[in-house]
């Protein structure tokens, strides 16, 4: 789970890593490949990280990352490109990553609250730093749905529930009740090890993103709007405080 091609994915071991040393393995039109990287490449609705590589007295600005046969870092159009074998110092844009971690954990908290209190599964979602939406298969909602969700989210943030990450064999993961909180199981059938994100006592999901250590670190969650997205579907938009 912590390897993509030849790259050791540091962010899956420790989401607090912001700077690290690495060596360039490849640089091509596909992108830059490092032996070690903390750039999250995007997935599960979470956008990829931004940051820089520092080497030889110059800076290569990284504007994204993606998974393929390797983990490719995407340089800015005008950025200098280090050749294979170059030692580099990687650094993430800390404010962006921290905001995305808080937002991603906030979505898991929201999904846990709506599943627990209303029995609804997630049908989609997306996020940007400190703003996000989550869609649910929820045919009917009470008039005070928005207020009840906001109040429940606030209580779960205040409860300071631990958020734990672990890797489990597929059979052990699927033995956890309600491990898939989405209406469609998106896990590849050949996936042998499943990464689990557990908001202890509230929400346990298969997930590959980065998260804060506890619900208190999410900060206040504002339920901005609840929208109807067709028969039986609701969209909940949230915003986190800066």
Protein backbone atom coordinates (compact mmCIF):
# COMPACT_ATOMS: atom_id res chain seq x y z
CA UNK A 1 0.00 0.00 0.00
CA UNK A 2 2.90 2.42 0.61
CA UNK A 3 4.53 1.84 -2.80
CA UNK A 4 3.59 3.18 -6.22
CA UNK A 5 5.88 1.78 -8.90
CA UNK A 6 9.40 2.53 -7.64
CA UNK A 7 8.30 5.31 -5.28
CA UNK A 8 7.90 4.83 -1.55
CA UNK A 9 4.82 6.86 -0.60
CA UNK A 10 5.73 8.61 2.62
CA UNK A 11 2.31 10.24 3.07
CA UNK A 12 0.71 6.84 3.58
CA UNK A 13 3.09 6.11 6.45
CA UNK A 14 2.87 9.55 8.05
CA UNK A 15 0.51 12.27 6.81
CA UNK A 16 2.43 14.91 8.79
CA UNK A 17 5.55 14.67 6.58
CA UNK A 18 6.10 17.96 4.76
CA UNK A 19 9.82 17.83 3.81
CA UNK A 20 12.10 14.94 2.88
CA UNK A 21 15.19 13.97 0.87
CA UNK A 22 14.91 11.92 -2.31
CA UNK A 23 16.67 10.96 -5.53
CA UNK A 24 15.25 11.45 -9.02
CA UNK A 25 14.73 8.08 -10.73
CA UNK A 26 13.27 9.37 -13.98
CA UNK A 27 12.23 12.62 -15.63
CA UNK A 28 10.25 12.60 -18.86
CA UNK A 29 7.16 14.16 -20.43
CA UNK A 30 5.18 11.82 -18.15
CA UNK A 31 6.55 13.61 -15.10
CA UNK A 32 9.26 13.30 -12.44
CA UNK A 33 9.67 10.03 -10.54
CA UNK A 34 11.36 10.02 -7.11
CA UNK A 35 12.49 7.13 -4.96
CA UNK A 36 10.59 8.68 -2.01
CA UNK A 37 7.66 11.11 -2.14
CA UNK A 38 5.03 12.61 0.17
CA UNK A 39 3.00 14.14 -2.68
CA UNK A 40 -0.53 12.72 -2.54
CA UNK A 41 -1.45 12.00 -6.19
CA UNK A 42 -5.18 12.57 -5.81
CA UNK A 43 -8.01 10.08 -5.47
CA UNK A 44 -11.21 9.49 -3.52
CA UNK A 45 -12.22 13.07 -4.22
CA UNK A 46 -9.06 14.53 -2.66
CA UNK A 47 -7.04 16.68 -5.08
CA UNK A 48 -3.27 16.17 -5.50
CA UNK A 49 -0.70 18.10 -3.50
CA UNK A 50 1.37 21.05 -4.67
CA UNK A 51 4.92 21.88 -3.63
CA UNK A 52 8.53 22.16 -4.77
CA UNK A 53 11.70 20.17 -5.38
CA UNK A 54 14.91 21.95 -4.37
CA UNK A 55 18.17 20.92 -6.04
CA UNK A 56 21.42 22.47 -7.26
CA UNK A 57 20.41 25.92 -6.03
CA UNK A 58 17.21 25.95 -8.10
CA UNK A 59 13.54 25.21 -7.47
CA UNK A 60 11.15 23.02 -9.47
CA UNK A 61 7.56 23.93 -8.74
CA UNK A 62 5.25 20.89 -8.60
CA UNK A 63 1.65 21.64 -9.54
CA UNK A 64 0.19 18.16 -9.24
CA UNK A 65 0.84 14.43 -9.15
CA UNK A 66 -0.79 11.35 -10.60
CA UNK A 67 -0.66 7.59 -10.40
CA UNK A 68 0.19 5.40 -13.38
CA UNK A 69 2.75 2.65 -13.61
CA UNK A 70 4.77 5.10 -11.49
CA UNK A 71 3.97 8.03 -9.20
CA UNK A 72 4.51 11.02 -11.48
CA UNK A 73 5.08 14.53 -10.17
CA UNK A 74 3.91 17.21 -12.57
CA UNK A 75 6.21 20.25 -12.87
CA UNK A 76 5.04 23.73 -13.83
CA UNK A 77 5.44 24.48 -17.53
CA UNK A 78 8.42 26.78 -17.03
CA UNK A 79 10.13 24.81 -14.25
CA UNK A 80 13.70 23.44 -14.55
CA UNK A 81 13.71 19.61 -14.62
CA UNK A 82 16.25 17.59 -12.60
CA UNK A 83 17.88 14.69 -14.46
CA UNK A 84 17.86 11.12 -13.14
CA UNK A 85 20.29 10.64 -10.28
CA UNK A 86 19.83 14.18 -8.92
CA UNK A 87 19.45 14.45 -5.12
CA UNK A 88 16.48 16.70 -4.28
CA UNK A 89 14.71 18.07 -1.25
CA UNK A 90 10.95 17.74 -1.53
CA UNK A 91 8.57 20.10 0.25
CA UNK A 92 4.77 20.21 0.21
CA UNK A 93 2.63 23.34 0.23
CA UNK A 94 1.76 22.92 3.90
CA UNK A 95 -1.32 25.13 4.09
CA UNK A 96 -2.96 23.37 1.14
CA UNK A 97 -2.20 19.84 2.37
CA UNK A 98 -3.34 20.58 5.93
CA UNK A 99 -6.57 22.13 4.64
CA UNK A 100 -7.22 19.08 2.44
CA UNK A 101 -6.55 16.70 5.34
CA UNK A 102 -9.03 18.58 7.52
CA UNK A 103 -11.57 18.66 4.70
CA UNK A 104 -11.22 14.96 3.89
CA UNK A 105 -11.62 13.99 7.54
CA UNK A 106 -14.59 16.37 7.73
CA UNK A 107 -16.28 14.53 4.87
CA UNK A 108 -15.76 11.19 6.62
CA UNK A 109 -17.27 12.68 9.78
CA UNK A 110 -20.24 13.99 7.77
CA UNK A 111 -20.72 10.62 6.09
CA UNK A 112 -20.59 8.87 9.47
CA UNK A 113 -23.18 11.21 10.99
CA UNK A 114 -25.63 10.91 8.07
CA UNK A 115 -25.26 7.11 7.97
CA UNK A 116 -25.74 6.78 11.74
CA UNK A 117 -28.64 9.22 12.08
CA UNK A 118 -30.42 8.78 8.73
CA UNK A 119 -29.19 5.44 7.32
CA UNK A 120 -28.05 6.97 4.02
CA UNK A 121 -25.15 5.81 1.85
CA UNK A 122 -22.76 8.08 -0.04
CA UNK A 123 -23.27 8.33 -3.82
CA UNK A 124 -20.56 10.86 -4.60
CA UNK A 125 -18.42 13.67 -3.30
CA UNK A 126 -15.71 16.15 -4.05
CA UNK A 127 -13.48 18.59 -2.18
CA UNK A 128 -11.24 21.59 -2.44
CA UNK A 129 -9.31 23.05 0.49
CA UNK A 130 -11.86 23.83 3.25
CA UNK A 131 -14.91 23.33 0.99
CA UNK A 132 -16.61 20.09 -0.01
CA UNK A 133 -19.80 18.35 -1.00
CA UNK A 134 -21.15 14.88 -0.34
CA UNK A 135 -24.13 13.23 -2.04
CA UNK A 136 -26.43 10.73 -0.32
CA UNK A 137 -29.20 8.34 -1.37
CA UNK A 138 -31.75 9.96 0.91
CA UNK A 139 -35.31 9.96 -0.46
CA UNK A 140 -36.89 11.93 2.39
CA UNK A 141 -35.44 14.40 4.86
CA UNK A 142 -37.08 16.09 7.85
CA UNK A 143 -37.53 19.89 7.80
CA UNK A 144 -34.73 20.34 10.35
CA UNK A 145 -32.27 18.03 8.54
CA UNK A 146 -29.65 20.73 7.95
CA UNK A 147 -29.69 21.88 11.58
CA UNK A 148 -29.56 18.32 12.94
CA UNK A 149 -26.59 17.43 10.74
CA UNK A 150 -24.73 20.61 11.70
CA UNK A 151 -25.36 20.01 15.41
CA UNK A 152 -24.26 16.37 15.18
CA UNK A 153 -21.08 17.32 13.29
CA UNK A 154 -20.23 19.94 15.93
CA UNK A 155 -20.66 17.38 18.70
CA UNK A 156 -18.41 14.87 16.92
CA UNK A 157 -15.70 17.50 16.43
CA UNK A 158 -15.88 18.39 20.13
CA UNK A 159 -15.74 14.71 21.09
CA UNK A 160 -12.14 14.65 19.75
CA UNK A 161 -12.48 11.13 18.39
CA UNK A 162 -9.19 9.55 17.30
CA UNK A 163 -8.77 9.00 13.55
CA UNK A 164 -6.72 5.85 12.97
CA UNK A 165 -5.28 4.45 9.75
CA UNK A 166 -4.40 0.78 9.25
CA UNK A 167 -3.91 -1.74 6.46
CA UNK A 168 -5.85 -5.01 6.59
CA UNK A 169 -6.05 -8.11 4.39
CA UNK A 170 -9.10 -7.91 2.14
CA UNK A 171 -11.07 -10.62 4.00
CA UNK A 172 -10.44 -8.98 7.37
CA UNK A 173 -11.44 -5.57 6.02
CA UNK A 174 -14.70 -6.83 4.54
CA UNK A 175 -15.54 -8.55 7.82
CA UNK A 176 -16.00 -5.07 9.35
CA UNK A 177 -19.71 -4.16 9.31
CA UNK A 178 -20.65 -1.41 6.83
CA UNK A 179 -17.02 -0.99 5.71
CA UNK A 180 -18.25 0.28 2.34
CA UNK A 181 -20.32 3.41 2.99
CA UNK A 182 -20.75 4.21 -0.68
CA UNK A 183 -23.75 3.00 -2.67
CA UNK A 184 -21.31 1.36 -5.12
CA UNK A 185 -18.26 -0.64 -4.03
CA UNK A 186 -15.38 1.06 -5.83
CA UNK A 187 -12.58 -1.17 -4.52
CA UNK A 188 -10.78 -3.13 -7.27
CA UNK A 189 -11.59 -6.86 -7.04
CA UNK A 190 -7.88 -7.78 -7.06
CA UNK A 191 -6.97 -5.46 -4.17
CA UNK A 192 -5.39 -7.69 -1.52
CA UNK A 193 -4.61 -5.09 1.17
CA UNK A 194 -7.26 -2.53 2.10
CA UNK A 195 -6.35 0.76 3.77
CA UNK A 196 -8.85 1.59 6.51
CA UNK A 197 -9.56 5.02 7.99
CA UNK A 198 -11.38 4.74 11.31
CA UNK A 199 -12.99 7.66 13.15
CA UNK A 200 -13.14 5.59 16.30
CA UNK A 201 -16.70 5.01 17.42
CA UNK A 202 -18.30 6.78 14.45
CA UNK A 203 -17.13 5.82 10.97
CA UNK A 204 -14.90 3.11 9.50
CA UNK A 205 -14.21 3.21 5.75
CA UNK A 206 -11.85 1.92 3.09
CA UNK A 207 -9.94 5.01 1.98
CA UNK A 208 -6.61 6.00 0.42
CA UNK A 209 -6.41 9.69 1.38
CA UNK A 210 -4.67 11.73 4.06
CA UNK A 211 -6.33 12.66 7.35
CA UNK A 212 -5.85 14.58 10.57
CA UNK A 213 -5.22 12.77 13.86
CA UNK A 214 -8.57 13.42 15.53
CA UNK A 215 -11.92 15.09 14.93
CA UNK A 216 -10.88 18.12 16.98
CA UNK A 217 -8.25 18.90 14.34
CA UNK A 218 -10.98 19.18 11.67
CA UNK A 219 -12.23 22.41 13.22
CA UNK A 220 -15.73 23.80 12.94
CA UNK A 221 -17.91 22.48 10.11
CA UNK A 222 -20.56 24.75 8.61
CA UNK A 223 -23.35 23.00 6.71
CA UNK A 224 -23.76 25.58 3.95
CA UNK A 225 -26.56 24.08 1.90
CA UNK A 226 -28.66 20.97 1.34
CA UNK A 227 -29.78 20.47 -2.27
CA UNK A 228 -32.03 18.01 -4.06
CA UNK A 229 -30.18 16.21 -6.87
CA UNK A 230 -33.07 14.29 -8.33
CA UNK A 231 -35.48 11.77 -6.88
CA UNK A 232 -34.04 10.20 -3.75
CA UNK A 233 -30.71 12.05 -3.74
CA UNK A 234 -29.46 14.92 -1.58
CA UNK A 235 -26.26 16.97 -1.78
CA UNK A 236 -24.79 18.42 1.42
CA UNK A 237 -22.26 21.24 1.04
CA UNK A 238 -19.91 22.04 3.91
CA UNK A 239 -17.29 24.68 4.67
CA UNK A 240 -14.54 24.55 7.30
CA UNK A 241 -13.21 27.53 9.20
CA UNK A 242 -9.76 28.78 8.01
